[in-house]
Amino acid sequence: MNRRKFIGIAGASVLVAGGGYYLCSDKNNFTRNDVKKSSSIKTPLSNDEREILYLASLAPSGHNTQPWFVKYIEPYHWVIGNDKTKWLPGVDPTQRETILSIGAFLQNLEYAANNRGYDCHFDILATRNQDENIMDVKLIKSGIIHHYNIQKIVQRRTVRSNYLTDALKSEDVDYLIKEEPGSIHFISNTTKEYGWLNEQTIEANRIQSYREAAQKELANWIRFSSKDAEQYRDGLTTAGMEIEGIPGWVLRNFYGKSAVMKNSFRKESVDKVRKQVSASAGWLLITSKDISITSLLETGKRMQRLFLKVREKAIAIHPMTQILEESPTNQTLHQSIGISDPVQFILRTGYLKTYPPPVSLRRPVERFVRH
């Protein structure tokens, strides 16, 4: 949306509001706090099972597709599955990111189960990223509670805006990466590699924004209206994209999928990325030892462990993986940053003055459990 068009719409909106339209319009961003907890769908899950799976589902995923399902075998015995209807072939044709997201789901599941006194017995079933059945999971009551602060899972949030450019303290960097030697790499904003990542992130976003398959896919996962957000409980909402106030109201009431395909929207998206990468303390890169499904699942778990650490240090991370998704930028990545192992995550990072609450939506457990 260009500035002139936005001002025109906003001005017209004020006139419409004067006629009473505003009172019945979509006035507020729909967020997680607006979700009603009850569900009419019945499952055989116990309260412990339902709570563990809900916490697992708070894992991040590309476009917030939530690409997992749970096949109920018997009490405390499930198969974690790969939901093909949630794939993103436009930006993730090999389902690499899908498997990473399922890995993050498994890490949350393990923390939540251990916190309630269950040991997790995992048995990998898949050999390819496209396999439907990924992991067999059995929870065994051990009587020993491995305490974990579940609020870290509940309060985890991707933050895109208002980063400070202050350098990360060395003790904070050590805290984030010391338990993952050789797998998490911090690139400070004082290095030449930082500049390269900034430039190539902008370029990869430009390429992706003008690639029709990727842009159409993005349009399909944006939930412009609160009605759609409440109905689907997934995807990218105006709140999750941090579009508030009048701009958010305009988008919810006047925009739809067709707007995403317009050049003005694409240009505005790239301009926003350019502004974002100009303000950060650096980048965190997460690597795997290879590209096997076992390594990808473990790398997804590694990313989630990192994500659950940052809030207590007032540090934000923003996954920006477009360099990996576009071949012109991916081809020169490893040589340019001096890392030989496969890079699976590129995370912009920096301090925040204040940490906002989580807003991204999640489907109720009953919707992703199959029995």
Protein backbone atom coordinates (compact mmCIF):
# COMPACT_ATOMS: atom_id res chain seq x y z
CA MET A 1 0.00 0.00 0.00
CA ASN A 2 1.60 3.30 -1.01
CA ARG A 3 1.35 6.38 1.19
CA ARG A 4 -1.00 8.31 -1.09
CA LYS A 5 -3.40 5.40 -1.41
CA PHE A 6 -3.32 4.78 2.33
CA ILE A 7 -4.09 8.39 3.15
CA GLY A 8 -6.94 8.34 0.64
CA ILE A 9 -8.45 5.22 2.16
CA ALA A 10 -7.96 6.45 5.71
CA GLY A 11 -9.56 9.80 4.86
CA ALA A 12 -12.52 8.12 3.21
CA SER A 13 -12.76 5.79 6.18
CA VAL A 14 -13.24 8.72 8.55
CA LEU A 15 -16.16 9.95 6.44
CA VAL A 16 -17.68 6.49 6.36
CA ALA A 17 -17.24 6.19 10.11
CA GLY A 18 -19.14 9.44 10.55
CA GLY A 19 -22.09 7.76 8.88
CA GLY A 20 -22.12 4.94 11.43
CA TYR A 21 -20.12 2.36 9.45
CA TYR A 22 -17.31 2.32 12.00
CA LEU A 23 -19.58 1.00 14.73
CA CYS A 24 -20.21 -2.24 12.84
CA SER A 25 -16.77 -2.54 11.26
CA ASP A 26 -13.91 -4.88 12.18
CA LYS A 27 -12.45 -2.55 14.81
CA ASN A 28 -9.78 -4.52 16.67
CA ASN A 29 -7.06 -7.01 15.85
CA PHE A 30 -8.09 -10.55 16.81
CA THR A 31 -5.41 -12.02 19.10
CA ARG A 32 -4.82 -15.14 21.17
CA ASN A 33 -6.46 -13.54 24.22
CA ASP A 34 -9.71 -13.23 22.26
CA VAL A 35 -9.97 -16.98 21.70
CA LYS A 36 -12.72 -18.82 23.55
CA LYS A 37 -11.27 -21.88 25.23
CA SER A 38 -14.25 -24.20 24.87
CA SER A 39 -14.64 -26.56 21.89
CA SER A 40 -17.60 -28.64 20.75
CA ILE A 41 -15.31 -31.28 19.21
CA LYS A 42 -14.91 -34.33 21.44
CA THR A 43 -11.69 -36.34 21.77
CA PRO A 44 -10.61 -39.20 24.08
CA LEU A 45 -7.80 -37.06 25.50
CA SER A 46 -7.28 -36.70 29.23
CA ASN A 47 -6.71 -33.26 30.72
CA ASP A 48 -2.96 -33.90 30.91
CA GLU A 49 -2.82 -35.02 27.28
CA ARG A 50 -4.81 -32.03 26.07
CA GLU A 51 -2.65 -29.55 27.99
CA ILE A 52 0.62 -31.13 26.80
CA LEU A 53 -0.51 -31.07 23.17
CA TYR A 54 -1.78 -27.49 23.42
CA LEU A 55 1.61 -26.35 24.75
CA ALA A 56 3.34 -28.31 21.97
CA SER A 57 1.22 -26.47 19.40
CA LEU A 58 2.61 -23.10 20.52
CA ALA A 59 5.70 -23.85 18.44
CA PRO A 60 6.45 -21.48 15.55
CA SER A 61 6.00 -22.40 11.89
CA GLY A 62 6.33 -20.69 8.52
CA HIS A 63 3.31 -18.45 7.83
CA ASN A 64 1.95 -19.94 11.10
CA THR A 65 0.59 -22.92 9.14
CA GLN A 66 0.96 -25.30 12.13
CA PRO A 67 1.86 -28.25 9.85
CA TRP A 68 1.34 -31.05 12.37
CA PHE A 69 -1.37 -33.48 13.35
CA VAL A 70 -1.55 -36.03 16.16
CA LYS A 71 -2.85 -39.54 15.52
CA TYR A 72 -4.33 -40.91 18.75
CA ILE A 73 -3.33 -44.57 19.22
CA GLU A 74 -4.25 -45.08 22.88
CA PRO A 75 -3.90 -43.03 26.09
CA TYR A 76 -0.48 -41.35 26.15
CA HIS A 77 0.53 -42.98 22.88
CA TRP A 78 0.38 -40.92 19.69
CA VAL A 79 1.93 -40.57 16.27
CA ILE A 80 3.01 -37.03 15.37
CA GLY A 81 2.15 -36.48 11.73
CA ASN A 82 3.00 -34.23 8.81
CA ASP A 83 -0.13 -32.42 7.59
CA LYS A 84 0.24 -32.08 3.82
CA THR A 85 -2.57 -29.52 3.64
CA LYS A 86 -0.31 -27.10 5.57
CA TRP A 87 2.72 -27.36 3.29
CA LEU A 88 4.19 -24.26 1.62
CA PRO A 89 5.39 -25.50 -1.78
CA GLY A 90 5.96 -21.96 -3.01
CA VAL A 91 8.76 -21.25 -0.50
CA ASP A 92 9.45 -24.71 0.94
CA PRO A 93 9.23 -27.21 -1.93
CA THR A 94 11.24 -29.91 -0.12
CA GLN A 95 9.31 -29.54 3.18
CA ARG A 96 12.56 -28.71 4.99
CA GLU A 97 10.87 -25.96 7.00
CA THR A 98 7.89 -28.21 7.73
CA ILE A 99 10.12 -30.78 9.43
CA LEU A 100 11.96 -28.07 11.36
CA SER A 101 8.59 -26.82 12.67
CA ILE A 102 7.58 -30.33 13.73
CA GLY A 103 10.90 -30.54 15.58
CA ALA A 104 9.98 -27.36 17.50
CA PHE A 105 6.58 -28.94 18.28
CA LEU A 106 8.35 -32.02 19.69
CA GLN A 107 10.59 -29.88 21.92
CA ASN A 108 7.59 -28.12 23.45
CA LEU A 109 5.87 -31.48 23.89
CA GLU A 110 8.89 -32.88 25.75
CA TYR A 111 9.18 -29.90 28.09
CA ALA A 112 5.43 -29.94 28.83
CA ALA A 113 5.33 -33.71 29.43
CA ASN A 114 8.43 -33.71 31.68
CA ASN A 115 6.90 -30.88 33.70
CA ARG A 116 3.91 -33.11 34.48
CA GLY A 117 5.99 -36.11 35.45
CA TYR A 118 6.07 -38.02 32.14
CA ASP A 119 9.10 -39.38 30.33
CA CYS A 120 8.91 -39.20 26.52
CA HIS A 121 9.82 -42.25 24.46
CA PHE A 122 10.41 -41.13 20.87
CA ASP A 123 10.71 -43.47 17.89
CA ILE A 124 11.23 -41.83 14.51
CA LEU A 125 9.08 -43.32 11.75
CA ALA A 126 9.85 -41.13 8.74
CA THR A 127 12.72 -41.45 6.32
CA ARG A 128 11.72 -38.55 4.03
CA ASN A 129 10.44 -35.02 4.66
CA GLN A 130 7.26 -35.92 2.79
CA ASP A 131 6.33 -38.95 4.92
CA GLU A 132 3.04 -38.59 6.77
CA ASN A 133 3.96 -40.37 10.02
CA ILE A 134 6.95 -38.62 11.57
CA MET A 135 7.37 -39.71 15.19
CA ASP A 136 5.87 -42.31 17.51
CA VAL A 137 5.52 -40.86 21.01
CA LYS A 138 4.74 -42.68 24.25
CA LEU A 139 4.45 -40.85 27.56
CA ILE A 140 5.37 -42.93 30.62
CA LYS A 141 4.48 -41.68 34.10
CA SER A 142 7.79 -41.63 35.94
CA GLY A 143 6.84 -40.00 39.22
CA ILE A 144 9.75 -37.62 38.75
CA ILE A 145 8.88 -34.07 37.70
CA HIS A 146 11.52 -32.27 35.67
CA HIS A 147 10.44 -28.73 36.41
CA TYR A 148 10.29 -26.37 33.48
CA ASN A 149 8.83 -22.88 33.46
CA ILE A 150 5.86 -23.47 31.14
CA GLN A 151 5.27 -19.72 30.90
CA LYS A 152 8.33 -19.59 28.63
CA ILE A 153 6.34 -21.64 26.11
CA VAL A 154 3.15 -19.64 26.63
CA GLN A 155 4.86 -16.25 26.37
CA ARG A 156 7.15 -17.03 23.40
CA ARG A 157 6.66 -14.53 20.63
CA THR A 158 8.19 -13.54 17.31
CA VAL A 159 8.85 -9.78 17.41
CA ARG A 160 9.48 -7.92 14.17
CA SER A 161 9.69 -4.25 15.15
CA ASN A 162 11.30 -1.78 17.55
CA TYR A 163 14.68 -3.49 17.87
CA LEU A 164 17.48 -1.61 19.56
CA THR A 165 20.85 -1.53 17.81
CA ASP A 166 22.77 -1.98 21.09
CA ALA A 167 25.34 -4.76 20.90
CA LEU A 168 24.39 -7.99 22.64
CA LYS A 169 26.30 -8.40 25.89
CA SER A 170 28.89 -11.16 25.71
CA GLU A 171 27.36 -12.90 28.71
CA ASP A 172 23.96 -12.91 26.97
CA VAL A 173 25.45 -14.38 23.81
CA ASP A 174 27.15 -17.07 25.91
CA TYR A 175 23.86 -17.84 27.66
CA LEU A 176 22.08 -18.30 24.33
CA ILE A 177 24.63 -20.49 22.55
CA LYS A 178 26.93 -22.16 25.11
CA GLU A 179 24.84 -25.36 25.32
CA GLU A 180 24.79 -25.70 21.52
CA PRO A 181 28.51 -25.56 20.63
CA GLY A 182 29.12 -25.31 16.92
CA SER A 183 25.43 -25.28 16.04
CA ILE A 184 24.37 -21.71 16.86
CA HIS A 185 26.45 -18.88 15.44
CA PHE A 186 26.14 -15.21 16.40
CA ILE A 187 27.04 -12.62 13.78
CA SER A 188 27.40 -9.16 15.31
CA ASN A 189 26.31 -5.95 13.59
CA THR A 190 29.95 -4.86 13.57
CA THR A 191 31.03 -7.54 11.07
CA LYS A 192 31.12 -7.61 7.28
CA GLU A 193 29.06 -10.82 7.35
CA TYR A 194 26.28 -8.86 9.03
CA GLY A 195 26.22 -6.40 6.14
CA TRP A 196 26.13 -9.24 3.62
CA LEU A 197 23.19 -10.90 5.42
CA ASN A 198 21.32 -7.58 5.51
CA GLU A 199 21.80 -6.96 1.79
CA GLN A 200 20.96 -10.51 0.76
CA THR A 201 17.88 -10.66 3.01
CA ILE A 202 16.53 -7.59 1.22
CA GLU A 203 17.39 -9.10 -2.16
CA ALA A 204 15.85 -12.48 -1.33
CA ASN A 205 12.65 -10.77 -0.16
CA ARG A 206 12.56 -8.75 -3.37
CA ILE A 207 12.92 -11.91 -5.46
CA GLN A 208 10.29 -13.74 -3.43
CA SER A 209 7.82 -10.85 -3.46
CA TYR A 210 7.82 -10.82 -7.27
CA ARG A 211 7.71 -14.59 -7.64
CA GLU A 212 4.05 -15.35 -8.31
CA ALA A 213 3.86 -18.77 -6.62
CA ALA A 214 5.39 -17.46 -3.40
CA GLN A 215 3.28 -14.30 -3.33
CA LYS A 216 0.05 -16.18 -4.01
CA GLU A 217 0.92 -18.57 -1.20
CA LEU A 218 1.47 -15.64 1.14
CA ALA A 219 -1.90 -14.17 0.15
CA ASN A 220 -3.63 -17.46 0.96
CA TRP A 221 -2.21 -17.49 4.49
CA ILE A 222 -2.95 -13.88 5.48
CA ARG A 223 -6.06 -13.59 7.66
CA PHE A 224 -7.04 -10.00 7.01
CA SER A 225 -10.36 -9.99 8.88
CA SER A 226 -11.03 -10.94 12.48
CA LYS A 227 -13.74 -13.27 11.19
CA ASP A 228 -11.21 -15.27 9.17
CA ALA A 229 -8.69 -15.20 12.02
CA GLU A 230 -11.25 -16.60 14.44
CA GLN A 231 -12.47 -19.21 11.96
CA TYR A 232 -9.08 -20.60 10.88
CA ARG A 233 -6.98 -19.89 13.99
CA ASP A 234 -3.78 -20.06 11.96
CA GLY A 235 -1.97 -18.01 9.35
CA LEU A 236 -0.70 -14.44 9.49
CA THR A 237 -2.99 -11.96 11.22
CA THR A 238 -2.70 -8.18 11.27
CA ALA A 239 -1.76 -8.47 14.97
CA GLY A 240 0.93 -11.07 14.25
CA MET A 241 2.34 -8.84 11.51
CA GLU A 242 2.33 -5.97 14.04
CA ILE A 243 -0.04 -3.77 12.06
CA GLU A 244 -2.00 -1.81 14.63
CA GLY A 245 -4.20 1.27 14.88
CA ILE A 246 -5.63 2.90 11.76
CA PRO A 247 -3.43 0.90 9.33
CA GLY A 248 -4.67 -2.33 10.90
CA TRP A 249 -8.29 -1.16 10.71
CA VAL A 250 -7.88 -0.24 7.04
CA LEU A 251 -6.37 -3.64 6.21
CA ARG A 252 -9.07 -5.58 8.08
CA ASN A 253 -11.93 -3.70 6.46
CA PHE A 254 -10.70 -2.82 2.95
CA TYR A 255 -8.05 -5.37 1.98
CA GLY A 256 -8.06 -9.00 0.84
CA LYS A 257 -6.00 -11.56 -1.05
CA SER A 258 -6.07 -9.64 -4.33
CA ALA A 259 -4.29 -6.69 -2.70
CA VAL A 260 -1.29 -8.88 -1.89
CA MET A 261 -0.73 -9.53 -5.58
CA LYS A 262 -0.51 -5.83 -6.47
CA ASN A 263 2.87 -4.21 -7.08
CA SER A 264 2.23 -1.58 -4.41
CA PHE A 265 1.86 -4.27 -1.73
CA ARG A 266 5.01 -6.07 -2.91
CA LYS A 267 7.06 -2.88 -2.92
CA GLU A 268 5.78 -1.92 0.54
CA SER A 269 6.74 -5.38 1.84
CA VAL A 270 10.32 -5.06 0.57
CA ASP A 271 10.59 -1.54 1.97
CA LYS A 272 9.50 -2.87 5.37
CA VAL A 273 12.18 -5.57 5.25
CA ARG A 274 14.77 -2.94 4.38
CA LYS A 275 13.74 -0.96 7.46
CA GLN A 276 13.77 -4.05 9.67
CA VAL A 277 17.26 -5.24 8.78
CA SER A 278 18.68 -1.75 9.28
CA ALA A 279 17.98 -2.06 13.02
CA SER A 280 19.30 -5.05 14.95
CA ALA A 281 22.18 -6.27 17.07
CA GLY A 282 23.03 -8.99 14.58
CA TRP A 283 22.00 -12.39 13.33
CA LEU A 284 21.79 -15.84 14.90
CA LEU A 285 22.33 -18.73 12.48
CA ILE A 286 21.47 -22.32 13.38
CA THR A 287 23.11 -25.17 11.51
CA SER A 288 22.59 -28.93 11.28
CA LYS A 289 25.19 -31.63 10.72
CA ASP A 290 23.39 -32.79 7.56
CA ILE A 291 19.99 -32.59 5.89
CA SER A 292 18.56 -35.93 7.06
CA ILE A 293 15.13 -35.88 8.65
CA THR A 294 16.68 -36.84 11.99
CA SER A 295 19.00 -33.83 11.84
CA LEU A 296 16.22 -31.48 10.75
CA LEU A 297 13.99 -32.56 13.64
CA GLU A 298 16.83 -32.07 16.11
CA THR A 299 17.63 -28.66 14.60
CA GLY A 300 13.98 -27.63 14.99
CA LYS A 301 14.20 -28.63 18.65
CA ARG A 302 17.46 -26.65 18.96
CA MET A 303 15.83 -23.56 17.51
CA GLN A 304 12.93 -23.86 19.95
CA ARG A 305 15.27 -24.21 22.93
CA LEU A 306 16.91 -20.95 21.82
CA PHE A 307 13.55 -19.24 21.26
CA LEU A 308 12.48 -20.13 24.80
CA LYS A 309 15.56 -18.47 26.29
CA VAL A 310 15.46 -15.03 24.76
CA ARG A 311 12.52 -13.31 26.46
CA GLU A 312 14.11 -13.35 29.93
CA LYS A 313 17.03 -11.39 28.48
CA ALA A 314 14.73 -8.91 26.67
CA ILE A 315 16.10 -10.24 23.39
CA ALA A 316 13.89 -10.68 20.33
CA ILE A 317 14.42 -13.02 17.40
CA HIS A 318 12.75 -12.77 14.03
CA PRO A 319 13.12 -15.69 11.60
CA MET A 320 14.01 -14.32 8.16
CA THR A 321 14.82 -17.36 6.05
CA GLN A 322 14.25 -15.97 2.56
CA ILE A 323 17.98 -16.26 1.74
CA LEU A 324 17.59 -20.04 2.15
CA GLU A 325 14.39 -20.12 0.10
CA GLU A 326 15.70 -18.34 -3.00
CA SER A 327 18.42 -20.06 -5.02
CA PRO A 328 20.32 -16.91 -6.17
CA THR A 329 21.03 -15.95 -2.55
CA ASN A 330 21.33 -19.46 -1.10
CA GLN A 331 24.08 -20.44 -3.54
CA THR A 332 26.57 -17.96 -2.09
CA LEU A 333 25.51 -18.11 1.58
CA HIS A 334 28.07 -20.50 3.06
CA GLN A 335 31.07 -19.05 1.29
CA SER A 336 30.07 -15.50 2.22
CA ILE A 337 29.60 -16.13 5.94
CA GLY A 338 32.30 -18.75 6.42
CA ILE A 339 30.10 -21.56 7.74
CA SER A 340 30.37 -25.00 6.16
CA ASP A 341 27.52 -26.90 7.87
CA PRO A 342 24.02 -26.56 6.38
CA VAL A 343 22.30 -23.40 7.67
CA GLN A 344 18.68 -24.10 8.62
CA PHE A 345 17.65 -20.88 10.39
CA ILE A 346 18.56 -17.23 9.89
CA LEU A 347 17.29 -15.19 12.84
CA ARG A 348 17.48 -11.43 13.16
CA THR A 349 18.07 -10.47 16.79
CA GLY A 350 18.30 -7.50 19.14
CA TYR A 351 17.23 -6.09 22.47
CA LEU A 352 13.77 -4.65 23.14
CA LYS A 353 12.76 -1.94 25.59
CA THR A 354 9.48 -3.72 26.27
CA TYR A 355 8.40 -7.21 25.29
CA PRO A 356 4.87 -7.46 23.84
CA PRO A 357 2.52 -10.34 24.73
CA PRO A 358 2.00 -13.24 22.31
CA VAL A 359 -0.76 -12.73 19.74
CA SER A 360 -0.38 -15.48 17.12
CA LEU A 361 -3.32 -17.86 16.90
CA ARG A 362 -3.43 -21.62 17.37
CA ARG A 363 -5.96 -24.19 16.29
CA PRO A 364 -7.63 -25.94 19.23
CA VAL A 365 -6.16 -29.33 20.10
CA GLU A 366 -9.37 -31.04 19.00
CA ARG A 367 -8.81 -29.84 15.44
CA PHE A 368 -5.41 -31.44 14.96
CA VAL A 369 -5.99 -34.71 16.86
CA ARG A 370 -7.16 -37.62 14.72
CA HIS A 371 -8.73 -40.72 16.27
